[in-house]
């Protein structure tokens, strides 16, 4: 699987070539996930740099950076698995990751909101 991530031309091709529209849709989804990961990385850097305090900004920044990196790796894995499933005529792989990510971001947003309010009051 790792070979397909980095050099799909040298990976043995399985199944039939899917309709290019489906491959392009899979690629657009992959790119959307990369944008999400990049936004989380940027948010992590901003929190670590600009949020007042000593420990909280570092912890939140590291968490956001880690989640951003995880999102990018997960996007790559999902793209490769979806492409393989389309080639083999199998159902697309299910994923709970979007729901988990949405909950993690909601908890993170609530934590940041509290940190900003506490920082403004102090």
Protein backbone atom coordinates (compact mmCIF):
# COMPACT_ATOMS: atom_id res chain seq x y z
CA UNK A 1 0.00 0.00 0.00
CA UNK A 2 2.83 2.44 0.78
CA UNK A 3 4.21 1.97 -2.73
CA UNK A 4 0.90 3.11 -4.19
CA UNK A 5 1.01 6.22 -2.02
CA UNK A 6 4.32 7.45 -3.37
CA UNK A 7 4.65 6.01 -6.85
CA UNK A 8 1.42 4.64 -8.31
CA UNK A 9 3.04 4.06 -11.71
CA UNK A 10 5.32 1.34 -10.30
CA UNK A 11 2.56 -0.39 -8.35
CA UNK A 12 0.88 -3.34 -10.03
CA UNK A 13 -2.52 -2.16 -11.22
CA UNK A 14 -5.44 -4.23 -9.99
CA UNK A 15 -8.86 -4.51 -11.55
CA UNK A 16 -10.14 -2.27 -14.30
CA UNK A 17 -9.49 1.40 -14.86
CA UNK A 18 -12.42 3.32 -13.33
CA UNK A 19 -14.32 6.10 -15.06
CA UNK A 20 -12.04 9.13 -14.88
CA UNK A 21 -14.85 11.21 -13.34
CA UNK A 22 -14.86 8.97 -10.28
CA UNK A 23 -11.07 9.10 -10.00
CA UNK A 24 -11.17 12.90 -10.23
CA UNK A 25 -13.93 13.06 -7.60
CA UNK A 26 -11.79 10.88 -5.33
CA UNK A 27 -8.86 13.23 -5.92
CA UNK A 28 -10.98 16.31 -5.12
CA UNK A 29 -12.04 14.69 -1.85
CA UNK A 30 -8.40 13.95 -1.08
CA UNK A 31 -7.46 17.58 -1.75
CA UNK A 32 -10.31 18.82 0.47
CA UNK A 33 -8.96 16.67 3.30
CA UNK A 34 -5.48 18.09 2.72
CA UNK A 35 -6.89 21.62 3.00
CA UNK A 36 -8.51 20.64 6.29
CA UNK A 37 -5.22 19.23 7.57
CA UNK A 38 -3.35 22.34 6.48
CA UNK A 39 -5.90 24.57 8.23
CA UNK A 40 -5.45 22.58 11.44
CA UNK A 41 -1.67 22.90 11.18
CA UNK A 42 -1.99 26.65 10.62
CA UNK A 43 -4.40 26.92 13.52
CA UNK A 44 -2.01 24.99 15.74
CA UNK A 45 0.82 27.33 14.89
CA UNK A 46 -1.37 30.40 15.50
CA UNK A 47 -2.62 29.11 18.85
CA UNK A 48 0.89 28.25 20.03
CA UNK A 49 2.18 31.65 18.95
CA UNK A 50 -0.57 34.10 19.85
CA UNK A 51 -2.75 32.66 22.65
CA UNK A 52 -1.76 34.15 26.01
CA UNK A 53 -0.38 31.85 28.69
CA UNK A 54 2.44 29.39 29.09
CA UNK A 55 1.24 25.78 29.04
CA UNK A 56 -2.23 25.92 27.47
CA UNK A 57 -1.17 27.44 24.11
CA UNK A 58 1.59 24.88 23.72
CA UNK A 59 -0.68 21.95 24.55
CA UNK A 60 -3.47 23.15 22.24
CA UNK A 61 -1.00 23.98 19.50
CA UNK A 62 0.60 20.54 19.66
CA UNK A 63 -2.81 18.85 19.64
CA UNK A 64 -3.93 20.83 16.58
CA UNK A 65 -0.65 20.14 14.79
CA UNK A 66 -0.94 16.42 15.53
CA UNK A 67 -4.56 16.28 14.35
CA UNK A 68 -3.60 18.17 11.18
CA UNK A 69 -0.86 15.65 10.42
CA UNK A 70 -3.20 12.74 11.15
CA UNK A 71 -5.84 14.17 8.81
CA UNK A 72 -3.30 14.35 5.97
CA UNK A 73 -2.11 10.77 6.47
CA UNK A 74 -5.69 9.53 6.78
CA UNK A 75 -6.63 11.38 3.58
CA UNK A 76 -3.84 9.66 1.70
CA UNK A 77 -4.86 6.24 3.00
CA UNK A 78 -8.52 6.79 2.18
CA UNK A 79 -7.69 8.03 -1.33
CA UNK A 80 -5.62 4.90 -2.05
CA UNK A 81 -8.26 2.54 -0.62
CA UNK A 82 -11.08 4.24 -2.55
CA UNK A 83 -9.09 4.10 -5.80
CA UNK A 84 -8.43 0.39 -5.28
CA UNK A 85 -12.09 -0.30 -4.47
CA UNK A 86 -13.21 1.50 -7.65
CA UNK A 87 -10.76 -0.54 -9.73
CA UNK A 88 -12.04 -3.79 -8.25
CA UNK A 89 -15.72 -2.80 -8.49
CA UNK A 90 -16.11 -3.09 -4.72
CA UNK A 91 -18.08 -0.79 -2.42
CA UNK A 92 -16.14 2.26 -1.30
CA UNK A 93 -14.48 1.81 2.09
CA UNK A 94 -16.56 3.16 4.97
CA UNK A 95 -14.99 5.74 7.26
CA UNK A 96 -15.90 7.02 10.71
CA UNK A 97 -13.05 9.50 10.55
CA UNK A 98 -15.14 12.51 9.43
CA UNK A 99 -17.49 12.10 12.42
CA UNK A 100 -14.61 11.63 14.86
CA UNK A 101 -12.77 14.63 13.42
CA UNK A 102 -15.90 16.80 13.66
CA UNK A 103 -16.30 15.92 17.34
CA UNK A 104 -12.62 16.53 18.09
CA UNK A 105 -12.74 19.92 16.36
CA UNK A 106 -15.92 20.85 18.27
CA UNK A 107 -14.28 19.97 21.59
CA UNK A 108 -11.15 21.87 20.54
CA UNK A 109 -13.21 24.91 19.58
CA UNK A 110 -14.97 24.87 22.96
CA UNK A 111 -11.60 24.58 24.73
CA UNK A 112 -10.20 27.50 22.74
CA UNK A 113 -13.31 29.56 23.46
CA UNK A 114 -12.89 28.99 27.18
CA UNK A 115 -9.16 29.78 26.97
CA UNK A 116 -9.82 33.04 25.15
CA UNK A 117 -12.53 34.07 27.62
CA UNK A 118 -10.35 33.22 30.62
CA UNK A 119 -7.44 35.08 29.02
CA UNK A 120 -9.62 38.15 28.40
CA UNK A 121 -10.96 38.18 31.96
CA UNK A 122 -7.57 37.64 33.64
